[in-house]
């Protein structure tokens, strides 16, 4: 082991030669034990490393070379998972593999933090049916009351529950509205028992009680949400997204309908749903589990496909999945997830396509990993991130 320990030490202090690097690569790939030892040495070096050397970056680059020896090059720029345990070692679920750049290329990353991050309107807001407004903290438990002091809901940590039993005496259909800012998610339990997980930058308008909702239960969504609908054969549940309606009796599905997106995407997890154009109900389709309806807002047409549903519900587990997305599309996702604003001064990156996944990573870890695939610089100034080539 002493021979390879010397090579690892030389790798860490950047004195390793190309020939020695080849020897080290072969040894690492020989067994899981060797790989584990290498990772532990890199991890240990981080505790004693001088500030001018980025061990994360060096480790990424080394693995890129290993990966390129094992895989055939592709026109895509993947950010792919080398092994699950690496997420623990370096804090990044998927590692960047630079396939089209030579080993000598350098990733240029510049981070400047001026002051602390600030974000206006960074609160979960509940607008009650009586016109009162409540600002909700994502932590702690409390009761929500209306203008005259009646308890209408209970809040526990990052969720809010409306109890049907507390509203049966009121036969008027009254609507509440909840807004989830960028950087947060939230869960609701509606008065009929339906569970709703709301993604960042989303808004849901819903009845405080469904007792007088005629023969249907209608909610209005802007943004993205996952629904676990309580079954009621007498009252179908309808999600309205302005351009598309999703009608169910009792099922689980995810729907993404952000105003800034060109498409409305409905992904069925369990049960069945009917998806149709709001103004032209005959323009629609039925879905079975694992199928997705993709509605183009400009072409007014649906496309149906079988998909990996886990990709489209990953946000509920705080996973960021990049599935064949353009760089420009990734930035939109990052803005919503991390409550930041991007200024991209390197438009040549916009059409680069990536694949990968991140779990519980901060924004800089994500940007750093992507920049290893396609080198760029970025500057952080409060919550504004400027990207340059």
Protein backbone atom coordinates (compact mmCIF):
# COMPACT_ATOMS: atom_id res chain seq x y z
CA UNK A 1 0.00 0.00 0.00
CA UNK A 2 2.96 2.32 0.67
CA UNK A 3 3.66 2.73 -3.06
CA UNK A 4 0.10 3.82 -3.74
CA UNK A 5 -0.01 5.97 -0.62
CA UNK A 6 2.90 7.91 -2.09
CA UNK A 7 0.97 8.33 -5.35
CA UNK A 8 -2.11 9.51 -3.45
CA UNK A 9 0.01 12.03 -1.56
CA UNK A 10 1.46 13.28 -4.83
CA UNK A 11 -2.04 13.53 -6.29
CA UNK A 12 -3.18 15.64 -3.33
CA UNK A 13 -0.21 18.02 -3.48
CA UNK A 14 -0.49 18.19 -7.29
CA UNK A 15 2.97 16.81 -8.00
CA UNK A 16 1.84 13.55 -9.62
CA UNK A 17 3.14 12.86 -13.12
CA UNK A 18 0.96 11.59 -16.01
CA UNK A 19 2.61 8.16 -15.78
CA UNK A 20 2.07 7.97 -12.04
CA UNK A 21 -1.52 9.07 -12.49
CA UNK A 22 -2.11 6.15 -14.87
CA UNK A 23 -0.74 3.72 -12.28
CA UNK A 24 -2.94 5.20 -9.55
CA UNK A 25 -6.04 5.05 -11.75
CA UNK A 26 -5.50 1.37 -12.49
CA UNK A 27 -5.00 0.55 -8.82
CA UNK A 28 -8.16 2.41 -7.75
CA UNK A 29 -10.27 0.54 -10.27
CA UNK A 30 -8.95 -2.86 -9.22
CA UNK A 31 -11.21 -3.19 -6.16
CA UNK A 32 -13.76 -1.52 -3.93
CA UNK A 33 -11.23 -1.64 -1.10
CA UNK A 34 -8.78 0.45 -3.11
CA UNK A 35 -11.51 2.92 -4.07
CA UNK A 36 -12.62 3.19 -0.43
CA UNK A 37 -9.06 3.79 0.73
CA UNK A 38 -8.56 6.50 -1.87
CA UNK A 39 -11.79 8.26 -0.87
CA UNK A 40 -10.87 8.15 2.82
CA UNK A 41 -7.47 9.67 2.09
CA UNK A 42 -9.07 12.50 0.13
CA UNK A 43 -11.57 13.05 2.92
CA UNK A 44 -8.82 13.19 5.52
CA UNK A 45 -6.79 15.62 3.43
CA UNK A 46 -9.65 18.11 3.47
CA UNK A 47 -9.19 18.67 7.19
CA UNK A 48 -5.57 19.74 6.79
CA UNK A 49 -5.52 21.18 3.29
CA UNK A 50 -4.43 24.78 2.77
CA UNK A 51 -7.15 27.10 1.55
CA UNK A 52 -5.66 27.56 -1.91
CA UNK A 53 -6.31 23.96 -2.96
CA UNK A 54 -9.82 22.69 -3.60
CA UNK A 55 -9.89 18.96 -2.84
CA UNK A 56 -13.46 18.62 -4.07
CA UNK A 57 -12.42 19.98 -7.42
CA UNK A 58 -9.32 17.81 -7.61
CA UNK A 59 -11.27 14.71 -6.66
CA UNK A 60 -13.90 15.48 -9.28
CA UNK A 61 -11.29 15.90 -11.96
CA UNK A 62 -9.58 12.67 -11.06
CA UNK A 63 -12.85 10.74 -11.21
CA UNK A 64 -13.64 12.38 -14.53
CA UNK A 65 -10.56 10.75 -15.96
CA UNK A 66 -11.54 7.39 -14.53
CA UNK A 67 -15.03 7.74 -15.88
CA UNK A 68 -13.84 8.66 -19.35
CA UNK A 69 -11.84 5.44 -19.47
CA UNK A 70 -14.92 3.37 -18.62
CA UNK A 71 -17.58 5.07 -20.74
CA UNK A 72 -17.99 6.00 -24.38
CA UNK A 73 -18.18 9.70 -25.04
CA UNK A 74 -21.58 11.23 -25.70
CA UNK A 75 -22.72 14.61 -27.09
CA UNK A 76 -24.40 15.25 -23.73
CA UNK A 77 -22.60 16.62 -20.71
CA UNK A 78 -23.70 14.35 -17.87
CA UNK A 79 -23.40 15.01 -14.17
CA UNK A 80 -23.57 11.35 -13.22
CA UNK A 81 -23.32 9.27 -10.12
CA UNK A 82 -20.06 7.41 -9.73
CA UNK A 83 -21.16 5.63 -6.55
CA UNK A 84 -23.71 6.39 -3.85
CA UNK A 85 -21.12 6.60 -1.11
CA UNK A 86 -19.39 9.50 -2.86
CA UNK A 87 -22.26 11.73 -1.85
CA UNK A 88 -21.22 11.19 1.76
CA UNK A 89 -17.55 11.84 1.06
CA UNK A 90 -17.79 15.02 -0.96
CA UNK A 91 -21.40 16.06 -0.44
CA UNK A 92 -22.49 15.80 -4.07
CA UNK A 93 -24.85 13.11 -5.26
CA UNK A 94 -23.84 13.25 -8.90
CA UNK A 95 -20.36 13.97 -10.16
CA UNK A 96 -19.51 15.98 -13.24
CA UNK A 97 -17.80 14.12 -16.06
CA UNK A 98 -16.10 16.42 -18.51
CA UNK A 99 -16.04 14.32 -21.69
CA UNK A 100 -15.22 16.87 -24.36
CA UNK A 101 -12.44 18.79 -22.63
CA UNK A 102 -8.76 17.81 -22.29
CA UNK A 103 -7.30 16.88 -18.92
CA UNK A 104 -5.43 20.17 -18.75
CA UNK A 105 -8.56 22.33 -18.89
CA UNK A 106 -9.22 24.33 -15.76
CA UNK A 107 -12.61 25.07 -14.25
CA UNK A 108 -12.77 28.73 -13.36
CA UNK A 109 -14.92 29.49 -10.34
CA UNK A 110 -15.06 32.86 -8.67
CA UNK A 111 -17.33 33.46 -5.73
CA UNK A 112 -17.77 36.86 -4.16
CA UNK A 113 -20.19 37.23 -1.29
CA UNK A 114 -21.19 40.77 -0.44
CA UNK A 115 -23.30 40.82 2.68
CA UNK A 116 -25.92 38.29 3.56
CA UNK A 117 -28.57 36.88 1.30
CA UNK A 118 -31.82 38.80 1.34
CA UNK A 119 -35.08 37.87 -0.27
CA UNK A 120 -38.29 39.85 -0.19
CA UNK A 121 -41.54 37.95 0.11
CA UNK A 122 -39.73 34.86 1.36
CA UNK A 123 -42.63 33.79 3.56
CA UNK A 124 -45.41 31.24 3.25
CA UNK A 125 -48.61 33.29 3.16
CA UNK A 126 -52.16 32.09 3.77
CA UNK A 127 -54.95 34.38 2.61
CA UNK A 128 -58.14 33.43 4.42
CA UNK A 129 -61.63 33.40 2.94
CA UNK A 130 -62.62 36.30 5.21
CA UNK A 131 -59.87 38.48 3.78
CA UNK A 132 -57.38 38.15 6.63
CA UNK A 133 -53.79 37.14 5.91
CA UNK A 134 -51.50 34.89 7.93
CA UNK A 135 -47.74 34.62 7.51
CA UNK A 136 -46.70 31.06 8.31
CA UNK A 137 -43.34 30.01 9.65
CA UNK A 138 -42.18 26.65 8.33
CA UNK A 139 -41.26 25.62 11.88
CA UNK A 140 -43.31 25.18 15.03
CA UNK A 141 -46.94 24.31 15.76
CA UNK A 142 -49.89 26.69 16.02
CA UNK A 143 -53.60 27.06 15.33
CA UNK A 144 -54.99 29.22 12.54
CA UNK A 145 -58.04 31.30 13.37
CA UNK A 146 -60.33 33.48 11.27
CA UNK A 147 -61.16 37.15 11.89
CA UNK A 148 -63.57 36.35 14.74
CA UNK A 149 -61.35 33.80 16.45
CA UNK A 150 -62.73 30.51 15.12
CA UNK A 151 -60.12 27.80 14.64
CA UNK A 152 -60.08 26.80 10.97
CA UNK A 153 -56.80 24.87 10.71
CA UNK A 154 -53.90 23.43 12.66
CA UNK A 155 -50.30 23.97 11.66
CA UNK A 156 -47.64 21.42 12.53
CA UNK A 157 -44.11 22.19 11.38
CA UNK A 158 -44.21 22.40 7.58
CA UNK A 159 -47.84 21.39 7.10
CA UNK A 160 -51.33 22.78 7.55
CA UNK A 161 -54.48 20.73 8.22
CA UNK A 162 -58.06 21.87 7.63
CA UNK A 163 -60.63 19.82 9.52
CA UNK A 164 -63.97 19.17 7.82
CA UNK A 165 -65.68 18.57 11.15
CA UNK A 166 -65.06 22.14 12.25
CA UNK A 167 -66.81 23.58 9.22
CA UNK A 168 -69.94 21.43 8.68
CA UNK A 169 -72.23 24.12 10.06
CA UNK A 170 -71.08 26.60 7.42
CA UNK A 171 -72.71 25.75 4.08
CA UNK A 172 -71.05 28.60 2.16
CA UNK A 173 -68.27 27.72 -0.23
CA UNK A 174 -65.38 29.90 0.90
CA UNK A 175 -61.92 29.87 -0.67
CA UNK A 176 -58.53 30.18 0.97
CA UNK A 177 -55.28 30.75 -0.90
CA UNK A 178 -51.77 29.73 0.09
CA UNK A 179 -48.56 30.98 -1.51
CA UNK A 180 -45.24 29.14 -1.26
CA UNK A 181 -42.18 31.31 -2.05
CA UNK A 182 -39.07 30.20 -3.87
CA UNK A 183 -36.76 28.15 -1.71
CA UNK A 184 -39.52 26.39 0.26
CA UNK A 185 -42.06 23.57 0.02
CA UNK A 186 -45.20 22.99 2.08
CA UNK A 187 -47.87 20.38 2.73
CA UNK A 188 -51.61 20.87 3.08
CA UNK A 189 -54.32 18.52 4.23
CA UNK A 190 -57.57 19.78 2.76
CA UNK A 191 -60.87 19.41 4.57
CA UNK A 192 -61.86 16.34 2.50
CA UNK A 193 -58.68 14.50 3.52
CA UNK A 194 -56.77 15.19 0.29
CA UNK A 195 -53.04 15.72 0.82
CA UNK A 196 -51.23 18.34 -1.27
CA UNK A 197 -47.49 18.94 -1.39
CA UNK A 198 -46.70 22.36 -2.89
CA UNK A 199 -43.37 23.05 -4.55
CA UNK A 200 -41.45 26.33 -4.44
CA UNK A 201 -43.03 29.30 -6.20
CA UNK A 202 -46.53 27.78 -6.16
CA UNK A 203 -49.99 28.99 -5.23
CA UNK A 204 -53.12 26.98 -4.46
CA UNK A 205 -56.67 28.32 -4.12
CA UNK A 206 -58.96 25.84 -2.38
CA UNK A 207 -62.27 25.70 -0.47
CA UNK A 208 -62.02 25.94 3.29
CA UNK A 209 -64.67 23.21 3.30
CA UNK A 210 -66.09 21.05 0.50
CA UNK A 211 -69.45 20.48 2.22
CA UNK A 212 -71.34 22.72 -0.20
CA UNK A 213 -69.29 22.15 -3.34
CA UNK A 214 -72.16 20.67 -5.39
CA UNK A 215 -71.03 17.53 -7.23
CA UNK A 216 -67.33 18.30 -7.54
CA UNK A 217 -64.30 19.45 -5.60
CA UNK A 218 -62.30 22.13 -7.44
CA UNK A 219 -58.94 23.65 -6.54
CA UNK A 220 -56.87 26.13 -8.57
CA UNK A 221 -53.13 25.67 -8.99
CA UNK A 222 -50.32 27.91 -10.20
CA UNK A 223 -46.94 26.21 -10.01
CA UNK A 224 -46.28 22.61 -9.04
CA UNK A 225 -47.97 20.23 -6.62
CA UNK A 226 -48.33 16.56 -5.79
CA UNK A 227 -51.85 15.41 -4.94
CA UNK A 228 -52.92 12.37 -2.94
CA UNK A 229 -56.66 12.72 -3.48
CA UNK A 230 -59.17 11.35 -0.98
CA UNK A 231 -61.67 9.10 -2.72
CA UNK A 232 -65.23 10.33 -3.17
CA UNK A 233 -67.11 8.78 -6.10
CA UNK A 234 -69.92 11.31 -5.74
CA UNK A 235 -67.59 14.30 -5.95
CA UNK A 236 -64.76 14.15 -8.49
CA UNK A 237 -61.66 16.16 -7.59
CA UNK A 238 -60.58 18.70 -10.24
CA UNK A 239 -57.32 20.63 -10.38
CA UNK A 240 -57.63 23.71 -12.59
CA UNK A 241 -54.44 25.24 -14.02
CA UNK A 242 -56.10 27.95 -16.15
CA UNK A 243 -55.37 26.07 -19.37
CA UNK A 244 -55.64 22.43 -18.32
CA UNK A 245 -57.93 20.58 -15.91
CA UNK A 246 -57.12 17.27 -14.23
CA UNK A 247 -60.15 15.29 -13.07
CA UNK A 248 -59.89 12.36 -10.62
CA UNK A 249 -61.95 10.38 -8.13
CA UNK A 250 -59.10 9.34 -5.87
CA UNK A 251 -55.51 8.98 -6.94
CA UNK A 252 -51.90 10.21 -6.70
CA UNK A 253 -50.36 12.48 -9.31
CA UNK A 254 -47.96 15.37 -9.82
CA UNK A 255 -48.75 18.42 -11.91
CA UNK A 256 -46.37 21.19 -12.94
CA UNK A 257 -47.97 24.36 -14.30
CA UNK A 258 -45.71 27.35 -13.77
CA UNK A 259 -46.71 30.50 -15.66
CA UNK A 260 -43.19 30.88 -17.05
CA UNK A 261 -43.05 27.32 -18.44
CA UNK A 262 -44.14 26.48 -21.99
CA UNK A 263 -45.75 23.21 -20.93
CA UNK A 264 -48.14 21.84 -18.33
CA UNK A 265 -47.01 18.38 -17.23
CA UNK A 266 -49.24 15.87 -15.44
CA UNK A 267 -47.60 12.67 -14.17
CA UNK A 268 -49.75 9.85 -12.79
CA UNK A 269 -48.39 7.78 -9.92
CA UNK A 270 -51.43 5.74 -8.91
CA UNK A 271 -55.06 5.33 -10.04
CA UNK A 272 -56.34 7.10 -13.14
CA UNK A 273 -56.94 10.68 -14.25
CA UNK A 274 -58.58 12.54 -17.10
CA UNK A 275 -56.53 15.47 -18.39
CA UNK A 276 -58.21 17.95 -20.72
CA UNK A 277 -58.00 21.48 -22.05
CA UNK A 278 -60.10 23.81 -19.91
CA UNK A 279 -61.73 25.73 -22.76
CA UNK A 280 -62.05 22.65 -25.00
CA UNK A 281 -62.83 19.65 -22.78
CA UNK A 282 -62.96 17.25 -25.71
CA UNK A 283 -59.25 17.91 -26.24
CA UNK A 284 -57.75 15.61 -23.64
CA UNK A 285 -56.70 12.11 -22.64
CA UNK A 286 -56.87 9.54 -19.88
CA UNK A 287 -53.77 8.44 -18.02
CA UNK A 288 -52.82 5.19 -16.32
CA UNK A 289 -49.98 4.82 -13.78
CA UNK A 290 -46.47 5.79 -14.94
CA UNK A 291 -47.83 7.79 -17.88
CA UNK A 292 -47.50 11.51 -18.38
CA UNK A 293 -49.55 14.08 -20.28
CA UNK A 294 -47.54 16.99 -21.62
CA UNK A 295 -49.61 19.96 -22.81
CA UNK A 296 -47.95 22.56 -25.01
CA UNK A 297 -49.41 25.98 -24.26
CA UNK A 298 -48.62 27.36 -27.70
CA UNK A 299 -49.62 24.38 -29.81
CA UNK A 300 -52.66 23.54 -27.67
CA UNK A 301 -51.85 19.86 -27.96
CA UNK A 302 -51.17 16.93 -25.65
CA UNK A 303 -48.43 14.34 -25.85
CA UNK A 304 -48.53 11.14 -23.85
CA UNK A 305 -45.51 9.12 -22.74
CA UNK A 306 -44.45 6.52 -20.21
CA UNK A 307 -41.93 7.97 -17.76
CA UNK A 308 -39.95 7.29 -14.62
CA UNK A 309 -42.31 8.96 -12.16
CA UNK A 310 -39.57 9.27 -9.54
CA UNK A 311 -37.92 11.97 -11.62
CA UNK A 312 -41.02 14.16 -11.40
CA UNK A 313 -41.67 13.65 -7.68
CA UNK A 314 -38.03 13.93 -6.59
CA UNK A 315 -38.55 17.49 -5.35
CA UNK A 316 -40.66 16.11 -2.49
CA UNK A 317 -37.55 14.40 -1.10
CA UNK A 318 -35.45 17.52 -1.66
CA UNK A 319 -33.76 15.84 -4.63
CA UNK A 320 -32.87 17.94 -7.65
CA UNK A 321 -33.06 15.73 -10.73
CA UNK A 322 -31.65 17.04 -14.00
CA UNK A 323 -33.07 14.82 -16.73
CA UNK A 324 -31.92 15.84 -20.20
CA UNK A 325 -32.31 19.54 -19.41
CA UNK A 326 -30.79 22.55 -21.12
CA UNK A 327 -28.56 24.82 -19.05
CA UNK A 328 -31.20 27.57 -19.30
CA UNK A 329 -33.84 25.17 -17.92
CA UNK A 330 -31.56 24.17 -15.05
CA UNK A 331 -31.17 27.81 -14.03
CA UNK A 332 -34.96 28.18 -13.80
CA UNK A 333 -35.13 25.14 -11.50
CA UNK A 334 -32.31 26.49 -9.36
CA UNK A 335 -34.00 29.89 -9.04
CA UNK A 336 -37.12 28.25 -7.67
CA UNK A 337 -35.38 25.79 -5.40
CA UNK A 338 -32.82 28.15 -3.86
CA UNK A 339 -34.64 31.49 -4.07
CA UNK A 340 -31.92 33.13 -6.16
CA UNK A 341 -31.83 35.12 -9.38
CA UNK A 342 -29.45 34.31 -12.24
CA UNK A 343 -27.89 36.70 -14.70
CA UNK A 344 -26.39 34.55 -17.45
CA UNK A 345 -23.82 36.47 -19.46
CA UNK A 346 -22.66 33.31 -21.21
CA UNK A 347 -25.52 32.52 -23.56
CA UNK A 348 -23.42 29.90 -25.33
CA UNK A 349 -24.15 27.63 -22.37
CA UNK A 350 -27.94 27.84 -22.76
CA UNK A 351 -28.35 24.88 -25.10
CA UNK A 352 -25.88 22.54 -23.41
CA UNK A 353 -27.78 19.47 -22.18
CA UNK A 354 -27.15 17.75 -18.85
CA UNK A 355 -28.23 14.78 -16.77
CA UNK A 356 -27.67 14.25 -13.07
CA UNK A 357 -28.97 14.44 -9.55
CA UNK A 358 -28.25 16.30 -6.33
CA UNK A 359 -29.45 15.49 -2.82
CA UNK A 360 -29.58 18.13 -0.08
CA UNK A 361 -26.90 20.26 -1.75
CA UNK A 362 -26.40 23.99 -1.39
CA UNK A 363 -26.47 26.20 -4.49
CA UNK A 364 -22.70 26.57 -4.69
CA UNK A 365 -22.13 22.81 -4.62
CA UNK A 366 -24.55 22.43 -7.51
CA UNK A 367 -22.97 25.21 -9.57
CA UNK A 368 -19.50 23.95 -8.85
CA UNK A 369 -20.36 20.46 -10.06
CA UNK A 370 -22.01 21.68 -13.26
CA UNK A 371 -19.09 24.01 -13.96
CA UNK A 372 -16.75 21.01 -13.90
CA UNK A 373 -18.63 19.67 -16.90
CA UNK A 374 -18.70 22.95 -18.81
CA UNK A 375 -16.29 25.42 -17.22
CA UNK A 376 -17.70 28.82 -16.33
CA UNK A 377 -17.26 31.44 -13.64
CA UNK A 378 -19.95 32.70 -11.34
CA UNK A 379 -20.21 35.50 -8.82
CA UNK A 380 -22.59 35.49 -5.86
CA UNK A 381 -23.78 38.88 -4.69
CA UNK A 382 -26.46 38.41 -2.04
CA UNK A 383 -29.12 36.39 -3.89
CA UNK A 384 -28.00 37.45 -7.38
CA UNK A 385 -25.72 35.00 -9.21
CA UNK A 386 -23.95 36.20 -12.34
CA UNK A 387 -22.53 33.61 -14.73
CA UNK A 388 -19.71 34.34 -17.17
CA UNK A 389 -17.65 32.07 -19.41
